[in-house]
Amino acid sequence: MTIELLIFDCDGVLIDSEPVASGTLAHALQRAGVPLSQAEVHRRFTGLSGEAAARLCREELGLADPDRVFADARSALYAEFSRSLRPMAGMEELVRKVKQRKCVASNSDLERLRLSLGLLDLWTEFAPHIYSAEMVARPKPAPDLFLLCAKNLGVAPHRCLVIDDSALGIAGAMAAGMAAIGFVDPADPRSGRHEALKAAGALQTVEGARELAIAFEALFSSSANEEAAHAAVPARNPAVETAG
């Protein structure tokens, strides 16, 4: 497996934003009369695109105007991001060390990416290759966003590796013909995360940046050994074979 492009999800992989987002959305929903806890919001909304989240609100929670709730939550969220957003532990160092090309593929819109990832030094590690679901027709779990990344960076899909913390993202990677590693936040309160990501098709799952670094080392050294072995095989000489 030769890996030329690493495709990182943003929320819950690069930045520790999901607990903040779940809290602000839970408060907005409660103000709109929907008594969901932060833990329940985290379980049901994490990883969804804006369109999918709005559909959930309308069809399952009975909210006629979810846009108003999201605007309320977004206002509180961006203010909280400016005060307390941090990278996932160890992720800045890991990103700086990888030698492969890299990009971000997020179901978040560009405004949210700029007001979250854009607050951190990680933005400059990836820019300009930061891609949002609003750039394609269909968000994850469709393959569109991942295929856009591969196309723009000139890498074949089978040479891409996706790192994502949601089953939707892993499924999207599989649909795009890419391998994927399932990332689990060590502080995630939800149970069964490893199993859910493996069931979606993850090559393996890791917990935190340290385990991701170990997985990268194993995969990249294996790729290097395979390429070296391939290069060491003498090229066939049809003339010699015919003469023999």
C-alpha atoms as a PDB file:
ATOM      1  CA  MET A   1       0.000   0.000   0.000  1.00  0.00           C
ATOM      2  CA  THR A   2       1.755   3.163  -1.225  1.00  0.00           C
ATOM      3  CA  ILE A   3       0.322   6.276   0.459  1.00  0.00           C
ATOM      4  CA  GLU A   4       0.830   9.616  -1.266  1.00  0.00           C
ATOM      5  CA  LEU A   5      -1.958  11.692   0.269  1.00  0.00           C
ATOM      6  CA  LEU A   6      -3.291  11.893   3.835  1.00  0.00           C
ATOM      7  CA  ILE A   7      -6.852  13.243   4.081  1.00  0.00           C
ATOM      8  CA  PHE A   8      -7.758  14.448   7.574  1.00  0.00           C
ATOM      9  CA  ASP A   9     -11.227  15.109   8.911  1.00  0.00           C
ATOM     10  CA  CYS A  10     -11.290  18.293  10.998  1.00  0.00           C
ATOM     11  CA  ASP A  11     -13.665  18.195  13.972  1.00  0.00           C
ATOM     12  CA  GLY A  12     -12.721  15.509  16.451  1.00  0.00           C
ATOM     13  CA  VAL A  13      -9.512  14.636  14.597  1.00  0.00           C
ATOM     14  CA  LEU A  14      -7.507  17.841  14.173  1.00  0.00           C
ATOM     15  CA  ILE A  15      -9.389  20.064  16.612  1.00  0.00           C
ATOM     16  CA  ASP A  16     -11.106  19.347  19.922  1.00  0.00           C
ATOM     17  CA  SER A  17     -14.297  21.079  18.861  1.00  0.00           C
ATOM     18  CA  GLU A  18     -17.034  18.492  19.167  1.00  0.00           C
ATOM     19  CA  PRO A  19     -17.717  18.766  22.927  1.00  0.00           C
ATOM     20  CA  VAL A  20     -18.038  22.556  22.536  1.00  0.00           C
ATOM     21  CA  ALA A  21     -20.301  22.185  19.489  1.00  0.00           C
ATOM     22  CA  SER A  22     -22.520  19.618  21.196  1.00  0.00           C
ATOM     23  CA  GLY A  23     -22.902  21.834  24.249  1.00  0.00           C
ATOM     24  CA  THR A  24     -23.880  24.968  22.340  1.00  0.00           C
ATOM     25  CA  LEU A  25     -26.326  23.057  20.112  1.00  0.00           C
ATOM     26  CA  ALA A  26     -27.904  21.348  23.140  1.00  0.00           C
ATOM     27  CA  HIS A  27     -28.506  24.738  24.772  1.00  0.00           C
ATOM     28  CA  ALA A  28     -30.020  26.146  21.568  1.00  0.00           C
ATOM     29  CA  LEU A  29     -32.313  23.138  21.195  1.00  0.00           C
ATOM     30  CA  GLN A  30     -33.385  23.406  24.819  1.00  0.00           C
ATOM     31  CA  ARG A  31     -34.267  27.077  24.312  1.00  0.00           C
ATOM     32  CA  ALA A  32     -36.386  25.965  21.325  1.00  0.00           C
ATOM     33  CA  GLY A  33     -38.238  23.453  23.509  1.00  0.00           C
ATOM     34  CA  VAL A  34     -36.321  20.280  22.614  1.00  0.00           C
ATOM     35  CA  PRO A  35     -34.940  18.796  25.863  1.00  0.00           C
ATOM     36  CA  LEU A  36     -31.877  16.961  24.557  1.00  0.00           C
ATOM     37  CA  SER A  37     -28.797  16.623  26.761  1.00  0.00           C
ATOM     38  CA  GLN A  38     -25.313  17.466  25.529  1.00  0.00           C
ATOM     39  CA  ALA A  39     -24.462  13.741  25.496  1.00  0.00           C
ATOM     40  CA  GLU A  40     -27.513  12.949  23.350  1.00  0.00           C
ATOM     41  CA  VAL A  41     -26.748  15.792  20.948  1.00  0.00           C
ATOM     42  CA  HIS A  42     -23.168  14.541  20.712  1.00  0.00           C
ATOM     43  CA  ARG A  43     -24.371  11.038  19.855  1.00  0.00           C
ATOM     44  CA  ARG A  44     -26.958  12.069  17.275  1.00  0.00           C
ATOM     45  CA  PHE A  45     -25.405  15.065  15.526  1.00  0.00           C
ATOM     46  CA  THR A  46     -21.639  14.472  15.497  1.00  0.00           C
ATOM     47  CA  GLY A  47     -20.299  14.119  11.958  1.00  0.00           C
ATOM     48  CA  LEU A  48     -23.478  15.248  10.181  1.00  0.00           C
ATOM     49  CA  SER A  49     -23.445  17.868   7.463  1.00  0.00           C
ATOM     50  CA  GLY A  50     -25.565  20.973   8.014  1.00  0.00           C
ATOM     51  CA  GLU A  51     -28.208  19.635   5.630  1.00  0.00           C
ATOM     52  CA  ALA A  52     -28.397  16.269   7.402  1.00  0.00           C
ATOM     53  CA  ALA A  53     -28.579  17.942  10.828  1.00  0.00           C
ATOM     54  CA  ALA A  54     -31.441  20.162   9.661  1.00  0.00           C
ATOM     55  CA  ARG A  55     -33.293  17.139   8.306  1.00  0.00           C
ATOM     56  CA  LEU A  56     -32.886  15.346  11.642  1.00  0.00           C
ATOM     57  CA  CYS A  57     -34.316  18.373  13.447  1.00  0.00           C
ATOM     58  CA  ARG A  58     -37.328  18.590  11.148  1.00  0.00           C
ATOM     59  CA  GLU A  59     -38.132  14.906  10.766  1.00  0.00           C
ATOM     60  CA  GLU A  60     -37.190  13.476  14.162  1.00  0.00           C
ATOM     61  CA  LEU A  61     -37.310  16.382  16.586  1.00  0.00           C
ATOM     62  CA  GLY A  62     -40.297  18.197  15.068  1.00  0.00           C
ATOM     63  CA  LEU A  63     -38.616  21.593  14.615  1.00  0.00           C
ATOM     64  CA  ALA A  64     -40.247  23.612  11.871  1.00  0.00           C
ATOM     65  CA  ASP A  65     -37.403  26.150  11.689  1.00  0.00           C
ATOM     66  CA  PRO A  66     -34.086  24.442  12.473  1.00  0.00           C
ATOM     67  CA  ASP A  67     -32.130  27.220  10.747  1.00  0.00           C
ATOM     68  CA  ARG A  68     -33.036  29.563  13.569  1.00  0.00           C
ATOM     69  CA  VAL A  69     -31.775  27.076  16.157  1.00  0.00           C
ATOM     70  CA  PHE A  70     -28.532  26.528  14.246  1.00  0.00           C
ATOM     71  CA  ALA A  71     -27.974  30.286  13.918  1.00  0.00           C
ATOM     72  CA  ASP A  72     -28.395  30.615  17.686  1.00  0.00           C
ATOM     73  CA  ALA A  73     -25.993  27.738  18.320  1.00  0.00           C
ATOM     74  CA  ARG A  74     -23.488  29.008  15.756  1.00  0.00           C
ATOM     75  CA  SER A  75     -23.307  32.438  17.333  1.00  0.00           C
ATOM     76  CA  ALA A  76     -22.537  30.945  20.740  1.00  0.00           C
ATOM     77  CA  LEU A  77     -20.191  28.365  19.222  1.00  0.00           C
ATOM     78  CA  TYR A  78     -17.919  30.818  17.416  1.00  0.00           C
ATOM     79  CA  ALA A  79     -17.625  32.952  20.525  1.00  0.00           C
ATOM     80  CA  GLU A  80     -16.678  29.883  22.540  1.00  0.00           C
ATOM     81  CA  PHE A  81     -14.195  28.735  19.886  1.00  0.00           C
ATOM     82  CA  SER A  82     -12.399  32.071  20.133  1.00  0.00           C
ATOM     83  CA  ARG A  83     -12.032  31.550  23.885  1.00  0.00           C
ATOM     84  CA  SER A  84     -11.281  27.882  24.309  1.00  0.00           C
ATOM     85  CA  LEU A  85     -10.686  25.920  21.082  1.00  0.00           C
ATOM     86  CA  ARG A  86      -7.589  23.725  21.143  1.00  0.00           C
ATOM     87  CA  PRO A  87      -6.034  21.213  18.744  1.00  0.00           C
ATOM     88  CA  MET A  88      -6.510  17.556  19.580  1.00  0.00           C
ATOM     89  CA  ALA A  89      -3.702  16.578  21.932  1.00  0.00           C
ATOM     90  CA  GLY A  90      -0.508  15.777  20.005  1.00  0.00           C
ATOM     91  CA  MET A  91      -2.002  16.462  16.594  1.00  0.00           C
ATOM     92  CA  GLU A  92      -0.018  19.596  15.703  1.00  0.00           C
ATOM     93  CA  GLU A  93       3.285  17.796  16.214  1.00  0.00           C
ATOM     94  CA  LEU A  94       2.107  14.763  14.259  1.00  0.00           C
ATOM     95  CA  VAL A  95       0.899  16.825  11.292  1.00  0.00           C
ATOM     96  CA  ARG A  96       4.183  18.713  11.100  1.00  0.00           C
ATOM     97  CA  LYS A  97       6.165  15.473  10.998  1.00  0.00           C
ATOM     98  CA  VAL A  98       4.352  13.643   8.203  1.00  0.00           C
ATOM     99  CA  LYS A  99       6.161  13.751   4.866  1.00  0.00           C
ATOM    100  CA  GLN A 100       3.223  12.766   2.684  1.00  0.00           C
ATOM    101  CA  ARG A 101       1.042  15.387   1.062  1.00  0.00           C
ATOM    102  CA  LYS A 102      -1.971  16.242   3.188  1.00  0.00           C
ATOM    103  CA  CYS A 103      -5.309  18.019   3.119  1.00  0.00           C
ATOM    104  CA  VAL A 104      -8.494  18.524   5.141  1.00  0.00           C
ATOM    105  CA  ALA A 105     -11.890  17.128   4.122  1.00  0.00           C
ATOM    106  CA  SER A 106     -14.703  18.291   6.390  1.00  0.00           C
ATOM    107  CA  ASN A 107     -18.488  18.174   6.357  1.00  0.00           C
ATOM    108  CA  SER A 108     -18.392  21.627   8.006  1.00  0.00           C
ATOM    109  CA  ASP A 109     -18.998  24.710   5.883  1.00  0.00           C
ATOM    110  CA  LEU A 110     -16.135  27.061   5.027  1.00  0.00           C
ATOM    111  CA  GLU A 111     -17.254  29.706   7.520  1.00  0.00           C
ATOM    112  CA  ARG A 112     -17.033  27.251  10.371  1.00  0.00           C
ATOM    113  CA  LEU A 113     -13.670  25.952   9.175  1.00  0.00           C
ATOM    114  CA  ARG A 114     -12.250  29.480   9.091  1.00  0.00           C
ATOM    115  CA  LEU A 115     -13.634  30.272  12.553  1.00  0.00           C
ATOM    116  CA  SER A 116     -12.376  27.033  14.093  1.00  0.00           C
ATOM    117  CA  LEU A 117      -9.369  25.506  12.354  1.00  0.00           C
ATOM    118  CA  GLY A 118      -8.507  28.983  11.100  1.00  0.00           C
ATOM    119  CA  LEU A 119      -7.834  30.110  14.679  1.00  0.00           C
ATOM    120  CA  LEU A 120      -4.981  27.639  15.026  1.00  0.00           C
ATOM    121  CA  ASP A 121      -1.534  27.163  13.508  1.00  0.00           C
ATOM    122  CA  LEU A 122      -2.822  23.922  11.968  1.00  0.00           C
ATOM    123  CA  TRP A 123      -4.560  25.989   9.275  1.00  0.00           C
ATOM    124  CA  THR A 124      -1.224  26.994   7.747  1.00  0.00           C
ATOM    125  CA  GLU A 125      -0.062  23.371   7.745  1.00  0.00           C
ATOM    126  CA  PHE A 126      -2.859  22.498   5.296  1.00  0.00           C
ATOM    127  CA  ALA A 127      -3.771  25.677   3.407  1.00  0.00           C
ATOM    128  CA  PRO A 128      -4.773  25.995   0.634  1.00  0.00           C
ATOM    129  CA  HIS A 129      -5.868  22.363   0.628  1.00  0.00           C
ATOM    130  CA  ILE A 130      -8.804  22.681   3.013  1.00  0.00           C
ATOM    131  CA  TYR A 131     -12.014  21.297   1.532  1.00  0.00           C
ATOM    132  CA  SER A 132     -15.594  21.636   2.716  1.00  0.00           C
ATOM    133  CA  ALA A 133     -18.699  19.633   1.872  1.00  0.00           C
ATOM    134  CA  GLU A 134     -20.225  22.807   0.441  1.00  0.00           C
ATOM    135  CA  MET A 135     -17.738  22.476  -2.436  1.00  0.00           C
ATOM    136  CA  VAL A 136     -19.398  19.281  -3.707  1.00  0.00           C
ATOM    137  CA  ALA A 137     -22.879  18.048  -4.552  1.00  0.00           C
ATOM    138  CA  ARG A 138     -23.074  15.508  -1.733  1.00  0.00           C
ATOM    139  CA  PRO A 139     -21.413  15.477   1.710  1.00  0.00           C
ATOM    140  CA  LYS A 140     -19.996  12.412   3.478  1.00  0.00           C
ATOM    141  CA  PRO A 141     -20.899   9.525   3.370  1.00  0.00           C
ATOM    142  CA  ALA A 142     -20.912  10.162  -0.392  1.00  0.00           C
ATOM    143  CA  PRO A 143     -17.423   9.916  -1.935  1.00  0.00           C
ATOM    144  CA  ASP A 144     -17.593  13.356  -3.610  1.00  0.00           C
ATOM    145  CA  LEU A 145     -15.491  15.310  -1.106  1.00  0.00           C
ATOM    146  CA  PHE A 146     -12.727  12.719  -0.953  1.00  0.00           C
ATOM    147  CA  LEU A 147     -12.599  12.432  -4.725  1.00  0.00           C
ATOM    148  CA  LEU A 148     -12.314  16.229  -4.972  1.00  0.00           C
ATOM    149  CA  CYS A 149      -9.286  16.092  -2.660  1.00  0.00           C
ATOM    150  CA  ALA A 150      -7.620  13.392  -4.751  1.00  0.00           C
ATOM    151  CA  LYS A 151      -8.329  15.213  -8.007  1.00  0.00           C
ATOM    152  CA  ASN A 152      -7.061  18.594  -6.800  1.00  0.00           C
ATOM    153  CA  LEU A 153      -3.843  17.135  -5.437  1.00  0.00           C
ATOM    154  CA  GLY A 154      -3.313  14.839  -8.427  1.00  0.00           C
ATOM    155  CA  VAL A 155      -3.285  11.571  -6.473  1.00  0.00           C
ATOM    156  CA  ALA A 156      -5.072   8.356  -7.419  1.00  0.00           C
ATOM    157  CA  PRO A 157      -7.774   7.384  -4.878  1.00  0.00           C
ATOM    158  CA  HIS A 158      -6.116   4.054  -4.052  1.00  0.00           C
ATOM    159  CA  ARG A 159      -3.021   5.971  -2.928  1.00  0.00           C
ATOM    160  CA  CYS A 160      -4.988   8.083  -0.425  1.00  0.00           C
ATOM    161  CA  LEU A 161      -5.489   7.405   3.282  1.00  0.00           C
ATOM    162  CA  VAL A 162      -8.381   9.014   5.153  1.00  0.00           C
ATOM    163  CA  ILE A 163      -8.322   9.707   8.893  1.00  0.00           C
ATOM    164  CA  ASP A 164     -11.851  10.249  10.195  1.00  0.00           C
ATOM    165  CA  ASP A 165     -13.685   9.871  13.496  1.00  0.00           C
ATOM    166  CA  SER A 166     -17.163   9.179  12.103  1.00  0.00           C
ATOM    167  CA  ALA A 167     -18.720   6.166  10.437  1.00  0.00           C
ATOM    168  CA  LEU A 168     -20.028   8.556   7.760  1.00  0.00           C
ATOM    169  CA  GLY A 169     -16.485   9.617   6.914  1.00  0.00           C
ATOM    170  CA  ILE A 170     -15.169   6.065   6.840  1.00  0.00           C
ATOM    171  CA  ALA A 171     -18.051   5.003   4.579  1.00  0.00           C
ATOM    172  CA  GLY A 172     -17.290   7.927   2.273  1.00  0.00           C
ATOM    173  CA  ALA A 173     -13.660   6.879   2.038  1.00  0.00           C
ATOM    174  CA  MET A 174     -14.687   3.325   1.157  1.00  0.00           C
ATOM    175  CA  ALA A 175     -17.047   4.636  -1.527  1.00  0.00           C
ATOM    176  CA  ALA A 176     -14.167   6.671  -2.970  1.00  0.00           C
ATOM    177  CA  GLY A 177     -11.902   3.607  -3.179  1.00  0.00           C
ATOM    178  CA  MET A 178      -9.620   4.843  -0.386  1.00  0.00           C
ATOM    179  CA  ALA A 179      -8.275   3.190   2.748  1.00  0.00           C
ATOM    180  CA  ALA A 180      -9.231   4.729   6.078  1.00  0.00           C
ATOM    181  CA  ILE A 181      -8.123   4.804   9.686  1.00  0.00           C
ATOM    182  CA  GLY A 182     -10.831   5.322  12.288  1.00  0.00           C
ATOM    183  CA  PHE A 183      -9.806   7.936  14.858  1.00  0.00           C
ATOM    184  CA  VAL A 184     -11.241   7.802  18.376  1.00  0.00           C
ATOM    185  CA  ASP A 185     -10.924  10.693  20.817  1.00  0.00           C
ATOM    186  CA  PRO A 186      -9.705   9.220  24.134  1.00  0.00           C
ATOM    187  CA  ALA A 187     -12.192  11.506  25.914  1.00  0.00           C
ATOM    188  CA  ASP A 188     -15.192  10.555  23.730  1.00  0.00           C
ATOM    189  CA  PRO A 189     -18.061   9.579  26.073  1.00  0.00           C
ATOM    190  CA  ARG A 190     -19.775   7.392  23.479  1.00  0.00           C
ATOM    191  CA  SER A 191     -19.334   3.636  23.706  1.00  0.00           C
ATOM    192  CA  GLY A 192     -18.546   1.312  20.814  1.00  0.00           C
ATOM    193  CA  ARG A 193     -16.599   3.818  18.746  1.00  0.00           C
ATOM    194  CA  HIS A 194     -13.922   1.358  17.601  1.00  0.00           C
ATOM    195  CA  GLU A 195     -16.544  -1.196  16.603  1.00  0.00           C
ATOM    196  CA  ALA A 196     -18.637   1.373  14.710  1.00  0.00           C
ATOM    197  CA  LEU A 197     -15.649   2.619  12.713  1.00  0.00           C
ATOM    198  CA  LYS A 198     -14.471  -0.905  11.904  1.00  0.00           C
ATOM    199  CA  ALA A 199     -17.978  -1.858  10.814  1.00  0.00           C
ATOM    200  CA  ALA A 200     -17.961   1.115   8.420  1.00  0.00           C
ATOM    201  CA  GLY A 201     -14.797  -0.254   6.787  1.00  0.00           C
ATOM    202  CA  ALA A 202     -11.829   1.227   8.658  1.00  0.00           C
ATOM    203  CA  LEU A 203      -8.529  -0.512   7.960  1.00  0.00           C
ATOM    204  CA  GLN A 204      -7.794  -0.093  11.666  1.00  0.00           C
ATOM    205  CA  THR A 205      -8.783   2.172  14.537  1.00  0.00           C
ATOM    206  CA  VAL A 206      -6.574   4.274  16.787  1.00  0.00           C
ATOM    207  CA  GLU A 207      -7.161   6.210  19.974  1.00  0.00           C
ATOM    208  CA  GLY A 208      -5.500   9.616  20.036  1.00  0.00           C
ATOM    209  CA  ALA A 209      -2.555  11.128  18.185  1.00  0.00           C
ATOM    210  CA  ARG A 210       0.039   8.812  19.740  1.00  0.00           C
ATOM    211  CA  GLU A 211      -1.612   5.664  18.369  1.00  0.00           C
ATOM    212  CA  LEU A 212      -2.153   7.398  15.023  1.00  0.00           C
ATOM    213  CA  ALA A 213       1.580   8.170  14.832  1.00  0.00           C
ATOM    214  CA  ILE A 214       2.370   4.490  15.497  1.00  0.00           C
ATOM    215  CA  ALA A 215      -0.090   3.439  12.770  1.00  0.00           C
ATOM    216  CA  PHE A 216       1.492   5.873  10.308  1.00  0.00           C
ATOM    217  CA  GLU A 217       4.977   4.593  11.086  1.00  0.00           C
ATOM    218  CA  ALA A 218       3.925   0.995  10.470  1.00  0.00           C
ATOM    219  CA  LEU A 219       2.066   1.777   7.240  1.00  0.00           C
ATOM    220  CA  PHE A 220       4.711   4.070   5.800  1.00  0.00           C
ATOM    221  CA  SER A 221       7.631   1.758   6.624  1.00  0.00           C
ATOM    222  CA  SER A 222       5.733  -1.143   5.059  1.00  0.00           C
ATOM    223  CA  SER A 223       5.147   0.942   1.913  1.00  0.00           C
ATOM    224  CA  ALA A 224       8.833   1.888   1.753  1.00  0.00           C
ATOM    225  CA  ASN A 225       9.922  -1.750   2.133  1.00  0.00           C
ATOM    226  CA  GLU A 226       7.549  -2.876  -0.620  1.00  0.00           C
ATOM    227  CA  GLU A 227       8.841  -0.181  -2.989  1.00  0.00           C
ATOM    228  CA  ALA A 228      12.458  -1.109  -2.216  1.00  0.00           C
ATOM    229  CA  ALA A 229      11.766  -4.787  -2.844  1.00  0.00           C
ATOM    230  CA  HIS A 230      10.034  -3.970  -6.122  1.00  0.00           C
ATOM    231  CA  ALA A 231      12.940  -1.808  -7.243  1.00  0.00           C
ATOM    232  CA  ALA A 232      15.422  -4.603  -6.428  1.00  0.00           C
ATOM    233  CA  VAL A 233      13.769  -7.097  -8.801  1.00  0.00           C
ATOM    234  CA  PRO A 234      15.791  -7.175 -12.073  1.00  0.00           C
ATOM    235  CA  ALA A 235      13.877  -6.031 -15.117  1.00  0.00           C
ATOM    236  CA  ARG A 236      12.992  -8.784 -17.579  1.00  0.00           C
ATOM    237  CA  ASN A 237      15.100  -8.958 -20.746  1.00  0.00           C
ATOM    238  CA  PRO A 238      13.005 -10.631 -23.460  1.00  0.00           C
ATOM    239  CA  ALA A 239      16.079 -11.064 -25.689  1.00  0.00           C
ATOM    240  CA  VAL A 240      17.937 -13.060 -23.037  1.00  0.00           C
ATOM    241  CA  GLU A 241      14.860 -15.144 -22.249  1.00  0.00           C
ATOM    242  CA  THR A 242      14.382 -15.971 -25.926  1.00  0.00           C
ATOM    243  CA  ALA A 243      18.019 -16.886 -26.331  1.00  0.00           C
ATOM    244  CA  GLY A 244      17.821 -19.182 -23.335  1.00  0.00           C
END
